[in-house]
C-alpha cells in the first residue's frame, strides 16, 4: 500500500496502479483457461474469480488517468490519492464485468 511515488512498473505506470489494477487483471486473464477447464469437473459447473477492493475508493470520485505515467502531476497527487484512485478503478472494473 502506497509505495514511494517515484516507483513505476516496468511499463512505466504508477506502481500502485500496476499492483491494484493491472496485476489482478493480468492474473485473471492468465487463469481463464484453467478456470474454463475446471468448469467441466465442478459439481455446479461454475468457476469464480473474486476480486476485492478497499473502502478507500469511497474517498475519491476522480480518476486522473493523466497521472498514471512518470509525470510530475502524479507526484502532486501523492501516494494516498493514487491509492484511492487505484481502488476506485478496481471497483469500477468489477462493476463493469
PDB file of N, CA and C in Angstrom:
ATOM      1  N   UNK A   1       0.840  -1.180   0.000  1.00  0.00           N
ATOM      2  CA  UNK A   1       0.000   0.000   0.000  1.00  0.00           C
ATOM      3  C   UNK A   1       0.884   1.242   0.000  1.00  0.00           C
ATOM      4  N   UNK A   2       0.571   2.131  -0.918  1.00  0.00           N
ATOM      5  CA  UNK A   2       1.236   3.430  -1.012  1.00  0.00           C
ATOM      6  C   UNK A   2       2.758   3.326  -1.128  1.00  0.00           C
ATOM      7  N   UNK A   3       3.260   2.678  -2.187  1.00  0.00           N
ATOM      8  CA  UNK A   3       4.713   2.639  -2.374  1.00  0.00           C
ATOM      9  C   UNK A   3       5.241   4.044  -2.677  1.00  0.00           C
ATOM     10  N   UNK A   4       6.528   4.254  -2.561  1.00  0.00           N
ATOM     11  CA  UNK A   4       7.079   5.575  -2.885  1.00  0.00           C
ATOM     12  C   UNK A   4       6.609   6.034  -4.262  1.00  0.00           C
ATOM     13  N   UNK A   5       6.244   7.284  -4.357  1.00  0.00           N
ATOM     14  CA  UNK A   5       5.622   7.835  -5.564  1.00  0.00           C
ATOM     15  C   UNK A   5       6.526   7.742  -6.795  1.00  0.00           C
ATOM     16  N   UNK A   6       7.821   7.622  -6.597  1.00  0.00           N
ATOM     17  CA  UNK A   6       8.725   7.553  -7.754  1.00  0.00           C
ATOM     18  C   UNK A   6       8.871   6.132  -8.308  1.00  0.00           C
ATOM     19  N   UNK A   7       8.239   5.140  -7.686  1.00  0.00           N
ATOM     20  CA  UNK A   7       8.337   3.770  -8.178  1.00  0.00           C
ATOM     21  C   UNK A   7       7.299   3.512  -9.266  1.00  0.00           C
ATOM     22  N   UNK A   8       7.777   2.870 -10.338  1.00  0.00           N
ATOM     23  CA  UNK A   8       6.938   2.587 -11.502  1.00  0.00           C
ATOM     24  C   UNK A   8       6.983   1.107 -11.841  1.00  0.00           C
ATOM     25  N   UNK A   9       6.000   0.658 -12.613  1.00  0.00           N
ATOM     26  CA  UNK A   9       6.049  -0.693 -13.159  1.00  0.00           C
ATOM     27  C   UNK A   9       7.098  -0.714 -14.270  1.00  0.00           C
ATOM     28  N   UNK A  10       7.421  -1.892 -14.764  1.00  0.00           N
ATOM     29  CA  UNK A  10       8.368  -1.989 -15.883  1.00  0.00           C
ATOM     30  C   UNK A  10       7.872  -1.245 -17.113  1.00  0.00           C
ATOM     31  N   UNK A  11       6.561  -1.147 -17.244  1.00  0.00           N
ATOM     32  CA  UNK A  11       5.964  -0.459 -18.390  1.00  0.00           C
ATOM     33  C   UNK A  11       5.830   1.043 -18.184  1.00  0.00           C
ATOM     34  N   UNK A  12       6.261   1.543 -17.037  1.00  0.00           N
ATOM     35  CA  UNK A  12       6.255   2.976 -16.785  1.00  0.00           C
ATOM     36  C   UNK A  12       4.988   3.529 -16.167  1.00  0.00           C
ATOM     37  N   UNK A  13       4.156   2.659 -15.587  1.00  0.00           N
ATOM     38  CA  UNK A  13       2.946   3.119 -14.914  1.00  0.00           C
ATOM     39  C   UNK A  13       3.196   3.246 -13.417  1.00  0.00           C
ATOM     40  N   UNK A  14       2.367   4.029 -12.769  1.00  0.00           N
ATOM     41  CA  UNK A  14       2.421   4.150 -11.319  1.00  0.00           C
ATOM     42  C   UNK A  14       2.363   2.758 -10.697  1.00  0.00           C
ATOM     43  N   UNK A  15       3.249   2.470  -9.763  1.00  0.00           N
ATOM     44  CA  UNK A  15       3.339   1.136  -9.176  1.00  0.00           C
ATOM     45  C   UNK A  15       2.063   0.750  -8.436  1.00  0.00           C
ATOM     46  N   UNK A  16       1.431   1.708  -7.774  1.00  0.00           N
ATOM     47  CA  UNK A  16       0.183   1.419  -7.054  1.00  0.00           C
ATOM     48  C   UNK A  16      -0.899   0.963  -8.027  1.00  0.00           C
ATOM     49  N   UNK A  17      -1.012   1.634  -9.162  1.00  0.00           N
ATOM     50  CA  UNK A  17      -1.971   1.259 -10.202  1.00  0.00           C
ATOM     51  C   UNK A  17      -1.626  -0.120 -10.767  1.00  0.00           C
ATOM     52  N   UNK A  18      -0.348  -0.352 -10.997  1.00  0.00           N
ATOM     53  CA  UNK A  18       0.087  -1.648 -11.508  1.00  0.00           C
ATOM     54  C   UNK A  18      -0.258  -2.783 -10.560  1.00  0.00           C
ATOM     55  N   UNK A  19      -0.092  -2.537  -9.269  1.00  0.00           N
ATOM     56  CA  UNK A  19      -0.364  -3.560  -8.260  1.00  0.00           C
ATOM     57  C   UNK A  19      -1.854  -3.807  -8.067  1.00  0.00           C
ATOM     58  N   UNK A  20      -2.632  -2.749  -8.001  1.00  0.00           N
ATOM     59  CA  UNK A  20      -4.050  -2.875  -7.652  1.00  0.00           C
ATOM     60  C   UNK A  20      -4.985  -3.075  -8.835  1.00  0.00           C
ATOM     61  N   UNK A  21      -4.536  -2.728 -10.039  1.00  0.00           N
ATOM     62  CA  UNK A  21      -5.425  -2.820 -11.201  1.00  0.00           C
ATOM     63  C   UNK A  21      -4.862  -3.767 -12.254  1.00  0.00           C
ATOM     64  N   UNK A  22      -3.680  -3.471 -12.730  1.00  0.00           N
ATOM     65  CA  UNK A  22      -3.119  -4.259 -13.822  1.00  0.00           C
ATOM     66  C   UNK A  22      -2.753  -5.677 -13.388  1.00  0.00           C
ATOM     67  N   UNK A  23      -2.195  -5.839 -12.210  1.00  0.00           N
ATOM     68  CA  UNK A  23      -1.792  -7.160 -11.724  1.00  0.00           C
ATOM     69  C   UNK A  23      -2.956  -8.134 -11.624  1.00  0.00           C
ATOM     70  N   UNK A  24      -4.043  -7.770 -10.924  1.00  0.00           N
ATOM     71  CA  UNK A  24      -5.182  -8.684 -10.848  1.00  0.00           C
ATOM     72  C   UNK A  24      -5.810  -8.978 -12.216  1.00  0.00           C
ATOM     73  N   UNK A  25      -5.823  -7.990 -13.091  1.00  0.00           N
ATOM     74  CA  UNK A  25      -6.373  -8.203 -14.430  1.00  0.00           C
ATOM     75  C   UNK A  25      -5.550  -9.245 -15.198  1.00  0.00           C
ATOM     76  N   UNK A  26      -4.241  -9.066 -15.199  1.00  0.00           N
ATOM     77  CA  UNK A  26      -3.368  -9.995 -15.924  1.00  0.00           C
ATOM     78  C   UNK A  26      -3.456 -11.397 -15.321  1.00  0.00           C
ATOM     79  N   UNK A  27      -3.448 -11.492 -13.999  1.00  0.00           N
ATOM     80  CA  UNK A  27      -3.558 -12.795 -13.346  1.00  0.00           C
ATOM     81  C   UNK A  27      -4.867 -13.491 -13.739  1.00  0.00           C
ATOM     82  N   UNK A  28      -5.960 -12.767 -13.699  1.00  0.00           N
ATOM     83  CA  UNK A  28      -7.251 -13.350 -14.059  1.00  0.00           C
ATOM     84  C   UNK A  28      -7.264 -13.816 -15.505  1.00  0.00           C
ATOM     85  N   UNK A  29      -6.740 -13.008 -16.408  1.00  0.00           N
ATOM     86  CA  UNK A  29      -6.696 -13.392 -17.826  1.00  0.00           C
ATOM     87  C   UNK A  29      -5.866 -14.670 -18.023  1.00  0.00           C
ATOM     88  N   UNK A  30      -4.775 -14.780 -17.296  1.00  0.00           N
ATOM     89  CA  UNK A  30      -3.927 -15.975 -17.430  1.00  0.00           C
ATOM     90  C   UNK A  30      -4.570 -17.220 -16.807  1.00  0.00           C
ATOM     91  N   UNK A  31      -5.416 -17.021 -15.823  1.00  0.00           N
ATOM     92  CA  UNK A  31      -6.088 -18.147 -15.180  1.00  0.00           C
ATOM     93  C   UNK A  31      -7.323 -18.623 -15.939  1.00  0.00           C
ATOM     94  N   UNK A  32      -7.833 -17.824 -16.851  1.00  0.00           N
ATOM     95  CA  UNK A  32      -9.070 -18.175 -17.548  1.00  0.00           C
ATOM     96  C   UNK A  32      -9.061 -19.561 -18.181  1.00  0.00           C
ATOM     97  N   UNK A  33      -8.008 -19.975 -18.899  1.00  0.00           N
ATOM     98  CA  UNK A  33      -8.037 -21.325 -19.479  1.00  0.00           C
ATOM     99  C   UNK A  33      -8.202 -22.417 -18.417  1.00  0.00           C
ATOM    100  N   UNK A  34      -7.556 -22.243 -17.270  1.00  0.00           N
ATOM    101  CA  UNK A  34      -7.694 -23.233 -16.188  1.00  0.00           C
ATOM    102  C   UNK A  34      -9.087 -23.196 -15.569  1.00  0.00           C
ATOM    103  N   UNK A  35      -9.621 -22.008 -15.419  1.00  0.00           N
ATOM    104  CA  UNK A  35     -10.970 -21.889 -14.861  1.00  0.00           C
ATOM    105  C   UNK A  35     -12.004 -22.513 -15.795  1.00  0.00           C
ATOM    106  N   UNK A  36     -11.870 -22.254 -17.067  1.00  0.00           N
ATOM    107  CA  UNK A  36     -12.793 -22.822 -18.052  1.00  0.00           C
ATOM    108  C   UNK A  36     -12.689 -24.341 -18.068  1.00  0.00           C
ATOM    109  N   UNK A  37     -11.480 -24.852 -18.009  1.00  0.00           N
ATOM    110  CA  UNK A  37     -11.290 -26.305 -17.968  1.00  0.00           C
ATOM    111  C   UNK A  37     -11.861 -26.896 -16.677  1.00  0.00           C
ATOM    112  N   UNK A  38     -11.729 -26.180 -15.578  1.00  0.00           N
ATOM    113  CA  UNK A  38     -12.217 -26.665 -14.290  1.00  0.00           C
ATOM    114  C   UNK A  38     -13.724 -26.731 -14.200  1.00  0.00           C
ATOM    115  N   UNK A  39     -14.409 -25.938 -14.992  1.00  0.00           N
ATOM    116  CA  UNK A  39     -15.868 -25.947 -15.001  1.00  0.00           C
ATOM    117  C   UNK A  39     -16.394 -27.342 -15.344  1.00  0.00           C
ATOM    118  N   UNK A  40     -15.692 -28.034 -16.198  1.00  0.00           N
ATOM    119  CA  UNK A  40     -16.135 -29.364 -16.636  1.00  0.00           C
ATOM    120  C   UNK A  40     -16.190 -30.364 -15.488  1.00  0.00           C
ATOM    121  N   UNK A  41     -15.298 -30.212 -14.529  1.00  0.00           N
ATOM    122  CA  UNK A  41     -15.267 -31.167 -13.424  1.00  0.00           C
ATOM    123  C   UNK A  41     -15.941 -30.648 -12.156  1.00  0.00           C
ATOM    124  N   UNK A  42     -16.367 -29.402 -12.156  1.00  0.00           N
ATOM    125  CA  UNK A  42     -17.019 -28.841 -10.965  1.00  0.00           C
ATOM    126  C   UNK A  42     -18.446 -29.363 -10.845  1.00  0.00           C
ATOM    127  N   UNK A  43     -18.879 -29.660  -9.628  1.00  0.00           N
ATOM    128  CA  UNK A  43     -20.241 -30.158  -9.403  1.00  0.00           C
ATOM    129  C   UNK A  43     -21.300 -29.180  -9.909  1.00  0.00           C
ATOM    130  N   UNK A  44     -21.072 -27.900  -9.679  1.00  0.00           N
ATOM    131  CA  UNK A  44     -22.072 -26.911 -10.090  1.00  0.00           C
ATOM    132  C   UNK A  44     -21.795 -26.303 -11.470  1.00  0.00           C
ATOM    133  N   UNK A  45     -20.748 -26.809 -12.124  1.00  0.00           N
ATOM    134  CA  UNK A  45     -20.381 -26.349 -13.480  1.00  0.00           C
ATOM    135  C   UNK A  45     -20.130 -24.840 -13.533  1.00  0.00           C
ATOM    136  N   UNK A  46     -19.508 -24.330 -12.475  1.00  0.00           N
ATOM    137  CA  UNK A  46     -19.203 -22.902 -12.399  1.00  0.00           C
ATOM    138  C   UNK A  46     -17.755 -22.696 -11.967  1.00  0.00           C
ATOM    139  N   UNK A  47     -17.239 -21.566 -12.356  1.00  0.00           N
ATOM    140  CA  UNK A  47     -15.916 -21.125 -11.896  1.00  0.00           C
ATOM    141  C   UNK A  47     -16.068 -19.685 -11.436  1.00  0.00           C
ATOM    142  N   UNK A  48     -15.270 -19.290 -10.479  1.00  0.00           N
ATOM    143  CA  UNK A  48     -15.385 -17.943  -9.936  1.00  0.00           C
ATOM    144  C   UNK A  48     -14.008 -17.311  -9.754  1.00  0.00           C
ATOM    145  N   UNK A  49     -13.994 -16.026  -9.963  1.00  0.00           N
ATOM    146  CA  UNK A  49     -12.847 -15.206  -9.593  1.00  0.00           C
ATOM    147  C   UNK A  49     -13.411 -14.119  -8.693  1.00  0.00           C
ATOM    148  N   UNK A  50     -12.879 -13.997  -7.511  1.00  0.00           N
ATOM    149  CA  UNK A  50     -13.348 -12.989  -6.573  1.00  0.00           C
ATOM    150  C   UNK A  50     -12.260 -11.939  -6.421  1.00  0.00           C
ATOM    151  N   UNK A  51     -12.591 -10.721  -6.779  1.00  0.00           N
ATOM    152  CA  UNK A  51     -11.670  -9.603  -6.608  1.00  0.00           C
ATOM    153  C   UNK A  51     -12.184  -8.747  -5.466  1.00  0.00           C
ATOM    154  N   UNK A  52     -11.282  -8.215  -4.702  1.00  0.00           N
ATOM    155  CA  UNK A  52     -11.678  -7.338  -3.610  1.00  0.00           C
ATOM    156  C   UNK A  52     -11.080  -5.963  -3.831  1.00  0.00           C
ATOM    157  N   UNK A  53     -11.690  -4.984  -3.217  1.00  0.00           N
ATOM    158  CA  UNK A  53     -11.175  -3.627  -3.315  1.00  0.00           C
ATOM    159  C   UNK A  53     -10.954  -3.119  -1.897  1.00  0.00           C
ATOM    160  N   UNK A  54     -11.224  -1.873  -1.663  1.00  0.00           N
ATOM    161  CA  UNK A  54     -10.975  -1.264  -0.362  1.00  0.00           C
ATOM    162  C   UNK A  54     -11.965  -0.128  -0.164  1.00  0.00           C
ATOM    163  N   UNK A  55     -12.289   0.148   1.063  1.00  0.00           N
ATOM    164  CA  UNK A  55     -13.172   1.289   1.323  1.00  0.00           C
ATOM    165  C   UNK A  55     -12.499   2.608   0.960  1.00  0.00           C
ATOM    166  N   UNK A  56     -11.203   2.584   0.685  1.00  0.00           N
ATOM    167  CA  UNK A  56     -10.504   3.807   0.270  1.00  0.00           C
ATOM    168  C   UNK A  56     -11.111   4.379  -1.005  1.00  0.00           C
ATOM    169  N   UNK A  57     -11.735   3.533  -1.820  1.00  0.00           N
ATOM    170  CA  UNK A  57     -12.354   4.021  -3.048  1.00  0.00           C
ATOM    171  C   UNK A  57     -13.522   4.963  -2.764  1.00  0.00           C
ATOM    172  N   UNK A  58     -14.040   4.944  -1.546  1.00  0.00           N
ATOM    173  CA  UNK A  58     -15.149   5.833  -1.183  1.00  0.00           C
ATOM    174  C   UNK A  58     -14.702   7.275  -0.961  1.00  0.00           C
ATOM    175  N   UNK A  59     -13.408   7.489  -0.841  1.00  0.00           N
ATOM    176  CA  UNK A  59     -12.899   8.816  -0.510  1.00  0.00           C
ATOM    177  C   UNK A  59     -12.465   9.634  -1.720  1.00  0.00           C
ATOM    178  N   UNK A  60     -12.737   9.124  -2.910  1.00  0.00           N
ATOM    179  CA  UNK A  60     -12.437   9.889  -4.117  1.00  0.00           C
ATOM    180  C   UNK A  60     -13.481   9.564  -5.166  1.00  0.00           C
ATOM    181  N   UNK A  61     -13.741  10.521  -6.017  1.00  0.00           N
ATOM    182  CA  UNK A  61     -14.670  10.281  -7.118  1.00  0.00           C
ATOM    183  C   UNK A  61     -14.027  10.636  -8.460  1.00  0.00           C
ATOM    184  N   UNK A  62     -12.717  10.773  -8.434  1.00  0.00           N
ATOM    185  CA  UNK A  62     -11.980  11.178  -9.624  1.00  0.00           C
ATOM    186  C   UNK A  62     -10.857  10.191  -9.902  1.00  0.00           C
ATOM    187  N   UNK A  63     -10.665   9.905 -11.176  1.00  0.00           N
ATOM    188  CA  UNK A  63      -9.526   9.097 -11.601  1.00  0.00           C
ATOM    189  C   UNK A  63      -8.720   9.955 -12.565  1.00  0.00           C
ATOM    190  N   UNK A  64      -7.511  10.283 -12.177  1.00  0.00           N
ATOM    191  CA  UNK A  64      -6.620  11.105 -13.002  1.00  0.00           C
ATOM    192  C   UNK A  64      -5.784  10.186 -13.884  1.00  0.00           C
ATOM    193  N   UNK A  65      -6.358   9.752 -14.998  1.00  0.00           N
ATOM    194  CA  UNK A  65      -5.634   8.851 -15.889  1.00  0.00           C
ATOM    195  C   UNK A  65      -4.354   9.489 -16.425  1.00  0.00           C
ATOM    196  N   UNK A  66      -4.355  10.811 -16.516  1.00  0.00           N
ATOM    197  CA  UNK A  66      -3.162  11.505 -16.997  1.00  0.00           C
ATOM    198  C   UNK A  66      -2.013  11.441 -15.993  1.00  0.00           C
ATOM    199  N   UNK A  67      -2.277  10.965 -14.786  1.00  0.00           N
ATOM    200  CA  UNK A  67      -1.246  10.864 -13.766  1.00  0.00           C
ATOM    201  C   UNK A  67      -0.687   9.458 -13.592  1.00  0.00           C
ATOM    202  N   UNK A  68      -1.034   8.545 -14.474  1.00  0.00           N
ATOM    203  CA  UNK A  68      -0.596   7.159 -14.300  1.00  0.00           C
ATOM    204  C   UNK A  68       0.835   6.899 -14.751  1.00  0.00           C
ATOM    205  N   UNK A  69       1.357   7.754 -15.597  1.00  0.00           N
ATOM    206  CA  UNK A  69       2.720   7.575 -16.083  1.00  0.00           C
ATOM    207  C   UNK A  69       3.726   8.313 -15.221  1.00  0.00           C
ATOM    208  N   UNK A  70       4.952   8.358 -15.688  1.00  0.00           N
ATOM    209  CA  UNK A  70       6.018   9.041 -14.964  1.00  0.00           C
ATOM    210  C   UNK A  70       5.964  10.532 -15.286  1.00  0.00           C
ATOM    211  N   UNK A  71       5.003  11.213 -14.692  1.00  0.00           N
ATOM    212  CA  UNK A  71       4.786  12.637 -14.946  1.00  0.00           C
ATOM    213  C   UNK A  71       4.790  13.388 -13.613  1.00  0.00           C
ATOM    214  N   UNK A  72       5.170  14.665 -13.634  1.00  0.00           N
ATOM    215  CA  UNK A  72       5.190  15.437 -12.387  1.00  0.00           C
ATOM    216  C   UNK A  72       3.825  15.501 -11.697  1.00  0.00           C
ATOM    217  N   UNK A  73       2.748  15.491 -12.476  1.00  0.00           N
ATOM    218  CA  UNK A  73       1.399  15.567 -11.910  1.00  0.00           C
ATOM    219  C   UNK A  73       1.139  14.426 -10.932  1.00  0.00           C
ATOM    220  N   UNK A  74       1.653  13.234 -11.226  1.00  0.00           N
ATOM    221  CA  UNK A  74       1.480  12.084 -10.341  1.00  0.00           C
ATOM    222  C   UNK A  74       2.062  12.382  -8.965  1.00  0.00           C
ATOM    223  N   UNK A  75       3.188  13.044  -8.947  1.00  0.00           N
ATOM    224  CA  UNK A  75       3.827  13.368  -7.671  1.00  0.00           C
ATOM    225  C   UNK A  75       3.029  14.422  -6.904  1.00  0.00           C
ATOM    226  N   UNK A  76       2.335  15.291  -7.634  1.00  0.00           N
ATOM    227  CA  UNK A  76       1.464  16.270  -6.970  1.00  0.00           C
ATOM    228  C   UNK A  76       0.269  15.584  -6.303  1.00  0.00           C
ATOM    229  N   UNK A  77      -0.218  14.536  -6.937  1.00  0.00           N
ATOM    230  CA  UNK A  77      -1.354  13.806  -6.367  1.00  0.00           C
ATOM    231  C   UNK A  77      -0.962  13.108  -5.071  1.00  0.00           C
ATOM    232  N   UNK A  78       0.214  12.526  -5.031  1.00  0.00           N
ATOM    233  CA  UNK A  78       0.706  11.864  -3.827  1.00  0.00           C
ATOM    234  C   UNK A  78       0.248  10.424  -3.702  1.00  0.00           C
ATOM    235  N   UNK A  79       0.867   9.713  -2.785  1.00  0.00           N
ATOM    236  CA  UNK A  79       0.612   8.277  -2.648  1.00  0.00           C
ATOM    237  C   UNK A  79      -0.803   7.963  -2.175  1.00  0.00           C
ATOM    238  N   UNK A  80      -1.338   8.743  -1.272  1.00  0.00           N
ATOM    239  CA  UNK A  80      -2.688   8.461  -0.766  1.00  0.00           C
ATOM    240  C   UNK A  80      -3.730   8.606  -1.867  1.00  0.00           C
ATOM    241  N   UNK A  81      -3.646   9.673  -2.629  1.00  0.00           N
ATOM    242  CA  UNK A  81      -4.607   9.882  -3.714  1.00  0.00           C
ATOM    243  C   UNK A  81      -4.461   8.798  -4.778  1.00  0.00           C
ATOM    244  N   UNK A  82      -3.229   8.440  -5.105  1.00  0.00           N
ATOM    245  CA  UNK A  82      -3.014   7.392  -6.106  1.00  0.00           C
ATOM    246  C   UNK A  82      -3.573   6.060  -5.610  1.00  0.00           C
ATOM    247  N   UNK A  83      -3.446   5.786  -4.310  1.00  0.00           N
ATOM    248  CA  UNK A  83      -4.005   4.562  -3.741  1.00  0.00           C
ATOM    249  C   UNK A  83      -5.526   4.564  -3.868  1.00  0.00           C
ATOM    250  N   UNK A  84      -6.161   5.660  -3.459  1.00  0.00           N
ATOM    251  CA  UNK A  84      -7.619   5.737  -3.525  1.00  0.00           C
ATOM    252  C   UNK A  84      -8.118   5.590  -4.965  1.00  0.00           C
ATOM    253  N   UNK A  85      -7.419   6.224  -5.886  1.00  0.00           N
ATOM    254  CA  UNK A  85      -7.825   6.139  -7.285  1.00  0.00           C
ATOM    255  C   UNK A  85      -7.649   4.728  -7.832  1.00  0.00           C
ATOM    256  N   UNK A  86      -6.586   4.050  -7.456  1.00  0.00           N
ATOM    257  CA  UNK A  86      -6.390   2.679  -7.935  1.00  0.00           C
ATOM    258  C   UNK A  86      -7.485   1.767  -7.403  1.00  0.00           C
ATOM    259  N   UNK A  87      -7.937   1.997  -6.193  1.00  0.00           N
ATOM    260  CA  UNK A  87      -9.025   1.195  -5.629  1.00  0.00           C
ATOM    261  C   UNK A  87     -10.353   1.531  -6.296  1.00  0.00           C
ATOM    262  N   UNK A  88     -10.549   2.781  -6.669  1.00  0.00           N
ATOM    263  CA  UNK A  88     -11.754   3.167  -7.390  1.00  0.00           C
ATOM    264  C   UNK A  88     -11.781   2.508  -8.774  1.00  0.00           C
ATOM    265  N   UNK A  89     -10.655   2.489  -9.461  1.00  0.00           N
ATOM    266  CA  UNK A  89     -10.583   1.823 -10.769  1.00  0.00           C
ATOM    267  C   UNK A  89     -10.906   0.351 -10.600  1.00  0.00           C
ATOM    268  N   UNK A  90     -10.370  -0.293  -9.577  1.00  0.00           N
ATOM    269  CA  UNK A  90     -10.647  -1.713  -9.332  1.00  0.00           C
ATOM    270  C   UNK A  90     -12.130  -1.952  -9.138  1.00  0.00           C
ATOM    271  N   UNK A  91     -12.777  -1.080  -8.395  1.00  0.00           N
ATOM    272  CA  UNK A  91     -14.204  -1.219  -8.112  1.00  0.00           C
ATOM    273  C   UNK A  91     -15.012  -1.027  -9.383  1.00  0.00           C
ATOM    274  N   UNK A  92     -14.671  -0.048 -10.182  1.00  0.00           N
ATOM    275  CA  UNK A  92     -15.402   0.208 -11.431  1.00  0.00           C
ATOM    276  C   UNK A  92     -15.228  -0.975 -12.373  1.00  0.00           C
ATOM    277  N   UNK A  93     -14.024  -1.529 -12.452  1.00  0.00           N
ATOM    278  CA  UNK A  93     -13.784  -2.673 -13.318  1.00  0.00           C
ATOM    279  C   UNK A  93     -14.649  -3.847 -12.882  1.00  0.00           C
ATOM    280  N   UNK A  94     -14.762  -4.080 -11.583  1.00  0.00           N
ATOM    281  CA  UNK A  94     -15.586  -5.180 -11.091  1.00  0.00           C
ATOM    282  C   UNK A  94     -17.049  -4.983 -11.455  1.00  0.00           C
ATOM    283  N   UNK A  95     -17.533  -3.760 -11.332  1.00  0.00           N
ATOM    284  CA  UNK A  95     -18.927  -3.489 -11.627  1.00  0.00           C
ATOM    285  C   UNK A  95     -19.239  -3.608 -13.113  1.00  0.00           C
ATOM    286  N   UNK A  96     -18.244  -3.394 -13.939  1.00  0.00           N
ATOM    287  CA  UNK A  96     -18.486  -3.439 -15.384  1.00  0.00           C
ATOM    288  C   UNK A  96     -18.420  -4.853 -15.959  1.00  0.00           C
ATOM    289  N   UNK A  97     -17.914  -5.805 -15.214  1.00  0.00           N
ATOM    290  CA  UNK A  97     -17.798  -7.186 -15.710  1.00  0.00           C
ATOM    291  C   UNK A  97     -19.061  -7.987 -15.475  1.00  0.00           C
TER     292      UNK A  97
END
